[in-house]
Amino acid sequence: MAFVVLAALLVPWSPVPGGTPDPVPATSVFTAEQVRAGEHFANWSRLWSWSSLAVSLAFSCWLGFSRWGPRLVGRMPGWWWVRVVLAVAAVELAGRVVTLPFGIALRKHALDHGLSTQGWGGFAADVLRGQAVAIVATSLLALVLVGCARRWPRAWPAVAGALLGVLVLVGSFVYPIVVEPIFNDFTPLPEGSLRAEILDLADREGVPVDDVLVADASRRTTTLNAYVSGFGSTRRVVLYDNLVDDVPRAQVLSVVAHELGHAKHDDVLVGSLLGAAGAVFGVGLLALVLGALAARGRPPLREPEVVPLLLALLAVGTLLASPVQNTISRQIETRADVDALLATRDSDAFIAVQRQLALRSLADPEPPRLSQLWFGSHPTALTRIAIAEQLRP
């Protein structure tokens, strides 16, 4: 109920004045060769990433629903909380190993098409850092669930749901200052005309911005990006250094205006509130599923042996929730596009930078509908350009 009410009130379900238009024809924006290049790259990327997802899900379910998972955890030493952490680490690392060939293939695919500037050593370091962050976050989740089940055998869903909801909010708040520096170095945008124009734009839009940061993303990728993370005192607007260096000023301002739109509507906080409500719902659903499985002889939640099953259910639930999550994300991103167009009143710059973003990332102009529904967190470039044409001053 909370999730539905929050989604109804906070998500912009009609973000485009006059309604969202149909995408413009791909041939009106890209050449035939550019369309073929984007489709070719995207088709192979989907093959490797979807194969990795399928293998990861199959492995998690095999370990979680068979007897091998509980047997593995049963041989681990230590107090219950030590065994929970060890179990999470073992399952996460094993899952990484079985999907590593697909990750390497996807990485080589990006290298072959010039989308990456990072060597294999840097790639390996990023994989290890990402895996460490995943183990820490998942261990915290498992410890809360198992710990609450041990302390409150009947009331644990309510207590764990509340605790995890709070953790989602805290995690979003501290993410920019705890996790992001693990992967990138950030420096303030140097004094100059670009910084002055960005701060002036933020002032006109009524968005308090203490600083604009530049991430050293070019050492890893050739793609362009910018984002807003955190909320309150940890909110930051971050630009990729190659966006600042390689893109004309008007186009950079269009991207910044989009990110300021997110900040103006506190979209990170909105996502965090929805995530917190989703966590409460997920814990309640988990309680029902685990109760039914325990009646059939599966380990109860209070025992560390349940960790492989818990992670399998988490993987399945995450996949099933993806269409809802990404539908909401696309609506929020569309509103930020509209804000950018209204703030800059420069549809030409918006269209030009959307074209550049698509070309630099070799994006598929017209992805399959199921792929866009399930995994598309942003509107397609052709839809975004159609919105810009519709709102042209």
Protein backbone atom coordinates (compact mmCIF):
# COMPACT_ATOMS: atom_id res chain seq x y z
CA MET A 1 0.00 0.00 0.00
CA ALA A 2 2.79 2.42 0.90
CA PHE A 3 4.64 1.71 -2.33
CA VAL A 4 1.53 2.19 -4.46
CA VAL A 5 0.61 5.44 -2.71
CA LEU A 6 4.16 6.82 -2.96
CA ALA A 7 4.40 5.84 -6.63
CA ALA A 8 1.03 7.48 -7.37
CA LEU A 9 1.99 10.71 -5.60
CA LEU A 10 5.70 11.09 -6.40
CA VAL A 11 6.22 9.56 -9.85
CA PRO A 12 5.48 11.88 -12.81
CA TRP A 13 3.16 9.66 -14.83
CA SER A 14 2.42 12.41 -17.39
CA PRO A 15 5.72 14.31 -17.56
CA VAL A 16 5.45 15.69 -21.11
CA PRO A 17 3.06 18.57 -21.84
CA GLY A 18 0.71 17.33 -24.53
CA GLY A 19 1.66 13.70 -23.94
CA THR A 20 4.76 11.70 -24.84
CA PRO A 21 5.13 11.60 -28.63
CA ASP A 22 6.05 8.62 -30.76
CA PRO A 23 9.79 8.20 -31.40
CA VAL A 24 11.19 9.97 -34.44
CA PRO A 25 12.38 7.70 -37.29
CA ALA A 26 15.90 6.41 -36.74
CA THR A 27 16.92 7.46 -40.25
CA SER A 28 16.06 11.09 -39.42
CA VAL A 29 18.79 11.15 -36.77
CA PHE A 30 21.38 8.53 -37.75
CA THR A 31 22.82 7.27 -41.00
CA ALA A 32 22.08 3.72 -42.09
CA GLU A 33 25.65 2.74 -41.16
CA GLN A 34 25.29 4.24 -37.67
CA VAL A 35 22.03 2.35 -37.15
CA ARG A 36 23.67 -0.92 -38.23
CA ALA A 37 26.65 -0.28 -35.94
CA GLY A 38 24.43 0.39 -32.95
CA GLU A 39 22.28 -2.66 -33.59
CA HIS A 40 25.33 -4.89 -34.06
CA PHE A 41 27.00 -3.74 -30.86
CA ALA A 42 23.76 -3.92 -28.85
CA ASN A 43 22.83 -7.39 -30.13
CA TRP A 44 26.13 -8.88 -29.00
CA SER A 45 26.03 -6.93 -25.72
CA ARG A 46 22.58 -8.31 -24.99
CA LEU A 47 23.75 -11.82 -25.83
CA TRP A 48 26.61 -11.69 -23.33
CA SER A 49 24.77 -9.81 -20.59
CA TRP A 50 21.56 -11.86 -20.84
CA SER A 51 23.57 -15.09 -20.92
CA SER A 52 25.42 -13.96 -17.81
CA LEU A 53 22.11 -13.15 -16.12
CA ALA A 54 20.63 -16.53 -17.04
CA VAL A 55 23.68 -18.47 -15.81
CA SER A 56 23.84 -16.40 -12.62
CA LEU A 57 20.15 -16.97 -11.90
CA ALA A 58 20.38 -20.70 -12.67
CA PHE A 59 23.43 -21.08 -10.43
CA SER A 60 21.81 -19.16 -7.56
CA CYS A 61 18.64 -21.25 -7.80
CA TRP A 62 20.58 -24.53 -8.00
CA LEU A 63 22.58 -23.63 -4.90
CA GLY A 64 19.58 -22.19 -3.07
CA PHE A 65 16.94 -24.81 -3.80
CA SER A 66 19.15 -27.91 -3.69
CA ARG A 67 20.82 -29.50 -0.69
CA TRP A 68 24.28 -28.33 -1.74
CA GLY A 69 23.81 -24.80 -0.39
CA PRO A 70 22.89 -25.82 3.17
CA ARG A 71 25.65 -28.45 3.15
CA LEU A 72 28.21 -25.84 2.15
CA VAL A 73 27.16 -23.43 4.89
CA GLY A 74 26.88 -26.27 7.43
CA ARG A 75 30.63 -26.89 7.12
CA MET A 76 31.56 -23.29 7.87
CA PRO A 77 32.99 -22.51 11.33
CA GLY A 78 32.20 -19.75 13.79
CA TRP A 79 29.30 -17.96 15.40
CA TRP A 80 26.07 -17.64 13.42
CA TRP A 81 26.89 -14.17 12.16
CA VAL A 82 30.34 -15.25 11.01
CA ARG A 83 28.79 -18.13 9.09
CA VAL A 84 26.26 -15.76 7.49
CA VAL A 85 29.03 -13.49 6.20
CA LEU A 86 31.12 -16.45 5.02
CA ALA A 87 28.10 -17.92 3.26
CA VAL A 88 27.33 -14.66 1.47
CA ALA A 89 30.97 -14.29 0.41
CA ALA A 90 31.14 -17.89 -0.84
CA VAL A 91 27.93 -17.67 -2.87
CA GLU A 92 28.78 -14.24 -4.29
CA LEU A 93 32.31 -15.24 -5.29
CA ALA A 94 31.15 -18.54 -6.80
CA GLY A 95 28.52 -16.69 -8.79
CA ARG A 96 31.14 -14.24 -10.03
CA VAL A 97 33.40 -17.08 -11.14
CA VAL A 98 30.70 -18.87 -13.17
CA THR A 99 29.71 -15.62 -14.95
CA LEU A 100 33.25 -14.29 -15.41
CA PRO A 101 33.61 -15.65 -18.98
CA PHE A 102 30.58 -13.59 -20.03
CA GLY A 103 31.98 -10.52 -18.30
CA ILE A 104 35.28 -10.95 -20.11
CA ALA A 105 33.48 -11.41 -23.44
CA LEU A 106 31.44 -8.25 -22.84
CA ARG A 107 34.58 -6.38 -21.85
CA LYS A 108 36.43 -7.52 -25.00
CA HIS A 109 33.40 -6.53 -27.07
CA ALA A 110 33.62 -2.99 -25.66
CA LEU A 111 37.38 -2.87 -26.29
CA ASP A 112 36.97 -4.05 -29.87
CA HIS A 113 34.54 -1.21 -30.54
CA GLY A 114 36.61 1.46 -28.81
CA LEU A 115 34.21 2.04 -25.92
CA SER A 116 36.81 1.44 -23.23
CA THR A 117 40.22 2.95 -22.50
CA GLN A 118 40.95 0.80 -19.46
CA GLY A 119 43.49 -2.00 -19.43
CA TRP A 120 42.78 -5.50 -18.18
CA GLY A 121 44.49 -4.75 -14.87
CA GLY A 122 42.17 -1.84 -14.20
CA PHE A 123 39.20 -3.94 -15.27
CA ALA A 124 40.20 -6.69 -12.80
CA ALA A 125 40.62 -4.13 -10.02
CA ASP A 126 37.14 -2.72 -10.70
CA VAL A 127 35.65 -6.23 -10.65
CA LEU A 128 37.27 -6.91 -7.28
CA ARG A 129 36.15 -3.58 -5.85
CA GLY A 130 32.61 -4.09 -7.11
CA GLN A 131 32.53 -7.61 -5.70
CA ALA A 132 33.73 -6.39 -2.30
CA VAL A 133 31.00 -3.73 -2.20
CA ALA A 134 28.39 -6.33 -3.18
CA ILE A 135 29.54 -8.75 -0.47
CA VAL A 136 29.43 -6.05 2.22
CA ALA A 137 25.96 -4.81 1.19
CA THR A 138 24.50 -8.32 0.83
CA SER A 139 26.05 -9.46 4.11
CA LEU A 140 24.41 -6.54 5.90
CA LEU A 141 21.06 -7.49 4.37
CA ALA A 142 21.44 -11.15 5.38
CA LEU A 143 22.60 -10.28 8.90
CA VAL A 144 19.55 -8.06 9.47
CA LEU A 145 17.16 -10.75 8.24
CA VAL A 146 18.72 -13.70 10.06
CA GLY A 147 19.41 -11.66 13.20
CA CYS A 148 15.81 -10.41 13.41
CA ALA A 149 14.47 -13.94 12.86
CA ARG A 150 16.61 -15.20 15.74
CA ARG A 151 15.63 -12.37 18.07
CA TRP A 152 11.93 -12.03 17.14
CA PRO A 153 10.72 -15.42 15.82
CA ARG A 154 7.20 -14.18 15.05
CA ALA A 155 7.59 -10.42 14.59
CA TRP A 156 10.78 -10.49 12.50
CA PRO A 157 9.12 -9.42 9.19
CA ALA A 158 7.91 -6.15 10.70
CA VAL A 159 11.19 -5.40 12.47
CA ALA A 160 13.41 -6.43 9.56
CA GLY A 161 11.25 -4.56 7.04
CA ALA A 162 11.52 -1.36 9.08
CA LEU A 163 15.27 -1.74 9.55
CA LEU A 164 15.92 -2.43 5.87
CA GLY A 165 13.74 0.52 4.86
CA VAL A 166 15.89 2.76 7.04
CA LEU A 167 19.06 1.20 5.63
CA VAL A 168 17.93 1.98 2.07
CA LEU A 169 17.57 5.65 2.99
CA VAL A 170 20.88 5.74 4.86
CA GLY A 171 22.62 3.94 2.01
CA SER A 172 21.42 6.46 -0.56
CA PHE A 173 22.56 9.28 1.70
CA VAL A 174 26.11 7.99 2.31
CA TYR A 175 26.67 6.38 -1.13
CA PRO A 176 28.31 9.46 -2.69
CA ILE A 177 30.88 9.81 0.08
CA VAL A 178 31.50 6.13 0.87
CA VAL A 179 31.11 4.08 -2.33
CA GLU A 180 31.65 6.42 -5.29
CA PRO A 181 35.23 7.37 -4.28
CA ILE A 182 36.16 3.67 -4.42
CA PHE A 183 35.74 3.74 -8.21
CA ASN A 184 36.50 7.31 -9.28
CA ASP A 185 38.44 10.39 -8.28
CA PHE A 186 36.45 13.61 -8.12
CA THR A 187 37.67 17.18 -8.49
CA PRO A 188 35.68 20.42 -8.45
CA LEU A 189 34.90 21.88 -11.87
CA PRO A 190 37.56 24.57 -12.36
CA GLU A 191 36.67 28.23 -12.10
CA GLY A 192 35.68 29.64 -15.44
CA SER A 193 32.79 30.48 -17.73
CA LEU A 194 31.36 26.91 -17.75
CA ARG A 195 31.25 26.72 -13.96
CA ALA A 196 29.68 30.20 -13.79
CA GLU A 197 27.02 29.27 -16.34
CA ILE A 198 26.19 26.04 -14.50
CA LEU A 199 25.84 27.79 -11.15
CA ASP A 200 23.74 30.51 -12.78
CA LEU A 201 21.49 27.86 -14.34
CA ALA A 202 21.13 26.15 -10.97
CA ASP A 203 20.23 29.47 -9.34
CA ARG A 204 17.58 30.20 -12.00
CA GLU A 205 16.10 26.74 -11.47
CA GLY A 206 16.07 27.18 -7.69
CA VAL A 207 18.44 24.27 -7.07
CA PRO A 208 21.03 24.81 -4.30
CA VAL A 209 24.37 23.55 -5.63
CA ASP A 210 27.48 24.05 -3.54
CA ASP A 211 29.78 22.42 -6.05
CA VAL A 212 29.93 20.64 -9.39
CA LEU A 213 32.33 17.71 -9.52
CA VAL A 214 34.19 16.13 -12.42
CA ALA A 215 34.87 12.37 -12.37
CA ASP A 216 37.96 10.95 -14.06
CA ALA A 217 35.82 8.58 -16.14
CA SER A 218 37.91 8.90 -19.31
CA ARG A 219 40.52 6.53 -17.86
CA ARG A 220 37.84 3.84 -18.05
CA THR A 221 35.40 4.65 -20.85
CA THR A 222 34.86 6.77 -23.94
CA THR A 223 31.11 7.11 -23.30
CA LEU A 224 29.64 10.35 -21.97
CA ASN A 225 27.60 10.71 -18.82
CA ALA A 226 26.58 12.84 -15.86
CA TYR A 227 24.51 12.08 -12.79
CA VAL A 228 23.14 13.27 -9.48
CA SER A 229 23.62 11.18 -6.35
CA GLY A 230 22.83 11.54 -2.68
CA PHE A 231 20.34 13.92 -1.12
CA GLY A 232 20.42 16.65 1.47
CA SER A 233 23.99 17.51 2.47
CA THR A 234 25.49 14.70 0.36
CA ARG A 235 23.79 15.64 -2.93
CA ARG A 236 26.27 16.17 -5.74
CA VAL A 237 26.15 16.88 -9.46
CA VAL A 238 28.87 14.90 -11.24
CA LEU A 239 30.05 15.29 -14.83
CA TYR A 240 32.32 12.90 -16.69
CA ASP A 241 35.57 14.60 -17.64
CA ASN A 242 35.17 13.60 -21.29
CA LEU A 243 31.76 15.28 -21.33
CA VAL A 244 33.36 18.53 -20.14
CA ASP A 245 36.31 18.25 -22.53
CA ASP A 246 34.76 16.84 -25.71
CA VAL A 247 31.27 18.34 -26.00
CA PRO A 248 30.29 21.90 -27.00
CA ARG A 249 29.27 24.24 -24.18
CA ALA A 250 25.56 24.40 -25.06
CA GLN A 251 25.33 20.60 -25.06
CA VAL A 252 27.08 20.34 -21.69
CA LEU A 253 24.58 22.81 -20.25
CA SER A 254 21.72 20.72 -21.64
CA VAL A 255 23.06 17.66 -19.81
CA VAL A 256 23.59 19.66 -16.62
CA ALA A 257 20.05 21.05 -16.85
CA HIS A 258 18.77 17.47 -17.00
CA GLU A 259 20.68 16.59 -13.84
CA LEU A 260 19.50 19.76 -12.13
CA GLY A 261 15.97 18.61 -12.95
CA HIS A 262 16.64 15.49 -10.89
CA ALA A 263 17.95 17.63 -8.04
CA LYS A 264 15.03 20.05 -8.28
CA HIS A 265 12.51 17.26 -7.73
CA ASP A 266 14.69 15.35 -5.21
CA ASP A 267 14.55 12.29 -7.48
CA VAL A 268 17.24 10.44 -5.51
CA LEU A 269 15.15 10.84 -2.36
CA VAL A 270 12.01 9.79 -4.26
CA GLY A 271 13.79 6.65 -5.47
CA SER A 272 15.04 5.98 -1.95
CA LEU A 273 11.54 6.28 -0.46
CA LEU A 274 10.17 3.94 -3.11
CA GLY A 275 13.09 1.58 -2.45
CA ALA A 276 12.37 1.65 1.28
CA ALA A 277 8.69 0.84 0.71
CA GLY A 278 9.73 -1.88 -1.74
CA ALA A 279 12.06 -3.34 0.88
CA VAL A 280 9.19 -3.59 3.38
CA PHE A 281 7.00 -5.27 0.77
CA GLY A 282 9.85 -7.61 -0.20
CA VAL A 283 10.45 -8.71 3.39
CA GLY A 284 6.76 -9.46 3.86
CA LEU A 285 6.69 -11.52 0.66
CA LEU A 286 9.91 -13.25 1.73
CA ALA A 287 8.31 -14.23 5.02
CA LEU A 288 5.42 -15.91 3.19
CA VAL A 289 7.71 -17.77 0.79
CA LEU A 290 10.20 -18.89 3.43
CA GLY A 291 7.34 -20.01 5.68
CA ALA A 292 5.97 -22.21 2.91
CA LEU A 293 9.42 -23.61 2.08
CA ALA A 294 10.26 -24.26 5.74
CA ALA A 295 7.12 -26.39 5.99
CA ARG A 296 8.65 -28.54 3.24
CA GLY A 297 11.92 -29.06 5.05
CA ARG A 298 13.95 -26.07 3.91
CA PRO A 299 16.13 -24.30 6.54
CA PRO A 300 14.31 -21.65 8.60
CA LEU A 301 15.48 -18.06 8.38
CA ARG A 302 17.04 -18.15 11.83
CA GLU A 303 19.73 -20.59 10.64
CA PRO A 304 22.76 -19.49 8.54
CA GLU A 305 22.10 -22.46 6.24
CA VAL A 306 19.24 -20.42 4.74
CA VAL A 307 21.64 -17.92 3.12
CA PRO A 308 21.91 -19.64 -0.32
CA LEU A 309 18.11 -19.89 -0.50
CA LEU A 310 17.79 -16.27 0.61
CA LEU A 311 20.15 -15.09 -2.12
CA ALA A 312 18.35 -17.16 -4.74
CA LEU A 313 15.00 -15.62 -3.80
CA LEU A 314 16.61 -12.18 -3.83
CA ALA A 315 17.94 -12.77 -7.37
CA VAL A 316 14.54 -13.94 -8.62
CA GLY A 317 12.73 -11.08 -6.92
CA THR A 318 15.14 -8.48 -8.32
CA LEU A 319 14.60 -9.76 -11.86
CA LEU A 320 10.81 -9.82 -11.49
CA ALA A 321 10.79 -6.29 -10.05
CA SER A 322 12.90 -4.85 -12.88
CA PRO A 323 9.99 -3.82 -15.16
CA VAL A 324 8.35 -1.85 -12.34
CA GLN A 325 11.62 -0.24 -11.29
CA ASN A 326 12.62 0.73 -14.82
CA THR A 327 9.15 1.97 -15.79
CA ILE A 328 9.33 4.39 -12.86
CA SER A 329 12.89 5.34 -13.80
CA ARG A 330 11.90 6.15 -17.39
CA GLN A 331 9.12 8.47 -16.19
CA ILE A 332 11.49 10.29 -13.86
CA GLU A 333 14.13 10.60 -16.58
CA THR A 334 11.53 11.96 -19.00
CA ARG A 335 10.55 14.67 -16.51
CA ALA A 336 14.22 15.66 -16.18
CA ASP A 337 14.43 15.91 -19.99
CA VAL A 338 11.40 18.21 -20.03
CA ASP A 339 12.92 20.35 -17.29
CA ALA A 340 16.17 20.62 -19.26
CA LEU A 341 14.36 21.70 -22.40
CA LEU A 342 12.27 24.30 -20.55
CA ALA A 343 15.29 25.62 -18.62
CA THR A 344 17.66 26.02 -21.57
CA ARG A 345 15.07 26.61 -24.31
CA ASP A 346 17.58 25.02 -26.65
CA SER A 347 16.11 21.99 -28.39
CA ASP A 348 18.92 21.93 -30.93
CA ALA A 349 21.58 21.45 -28.23
CA PHE A 350 19.46 18.80 -26.52
CA ILE A 351 19.00 16.88 -29.76
CA ALA A 352 22.68 17.18 -30.62
CA VAL A 353 23.86 15.85 -27.27
CA GLN A 354 21.35 12.98 -27.30
CA ARG A 355 22.72 12.03 -30.70
CA GLN A 356 26.28 12.22 -29.34
CA LEU A 357 25.39 10.12 -26.28
CA ALA A 358 23.89 7.44 -28.50
CA LEU A 359 26.77 7.41 -30.97
CA ARG A 360 29.49 7.38 -28.30
CA SER A 361 27.85 4.42 -26.54
CA LEU A 362 26.82 2.64 -29.77
CA ALA A 363 23.27 2.48 -28.45
CA ASP A 364 20.60 0.56 -30.32
CA PRO A 365 18.24 3.26 -31.70
CA GLU A 366 15.27 0.89 -31.58
CA PRO A 367 15.81 -1.81 -28.93
CA PRO A 368 13.37 -4.73 -28.69
CA ARG A 369 10.26 -3.77 -26.73
CA LEU A 370 10.77 -6.48 -24.12
CA SER A 371 14.36 -5.39 -23.58
CA GLN A 372 13.34 -1.75 -23.15
CA LEU A 373 10.49 -2.70 -20.80
CA TRP A 374 12.61 -4.94 -18.61
CA PHE A 375 16.02 -3.26 -18.63
CA GLY A 376 15.62 0.24 -20.10
CA SER A 377 16.11 2.77 -17.31
CA HIS A 378 15.96 5.73 -19.73
CA PRO A 379 13.76 6.56 -22.71
CA THR A 380 15.38 5.74 -26.04
CA ALA A 381 17.29 8.48 -27.84
CA LEU A 382 14.60 8.61 -30.53
CA THR A 383 11.88 9.22 -27.93
CA ARG A 384 13.93 11.90 -26.21
CA ILE A 385 14.54 13.66 -29.51
CA ALA A 386 10.82 13.50 -30.33
CA ILE A 387 10.07 15.20 -27.00
CA ALA A 388 12.59 17.93 -27.83
CA GLU A 389 10.95 18.49 -31.21
CA GLN A 390 7.51 18.68 -29.59
CA LEU A 391 8.68 21.24 -27.00
CA ARG A 392 10.75 23.31 -29.44
CA PRO A 393 10.16 27.04 -28.63
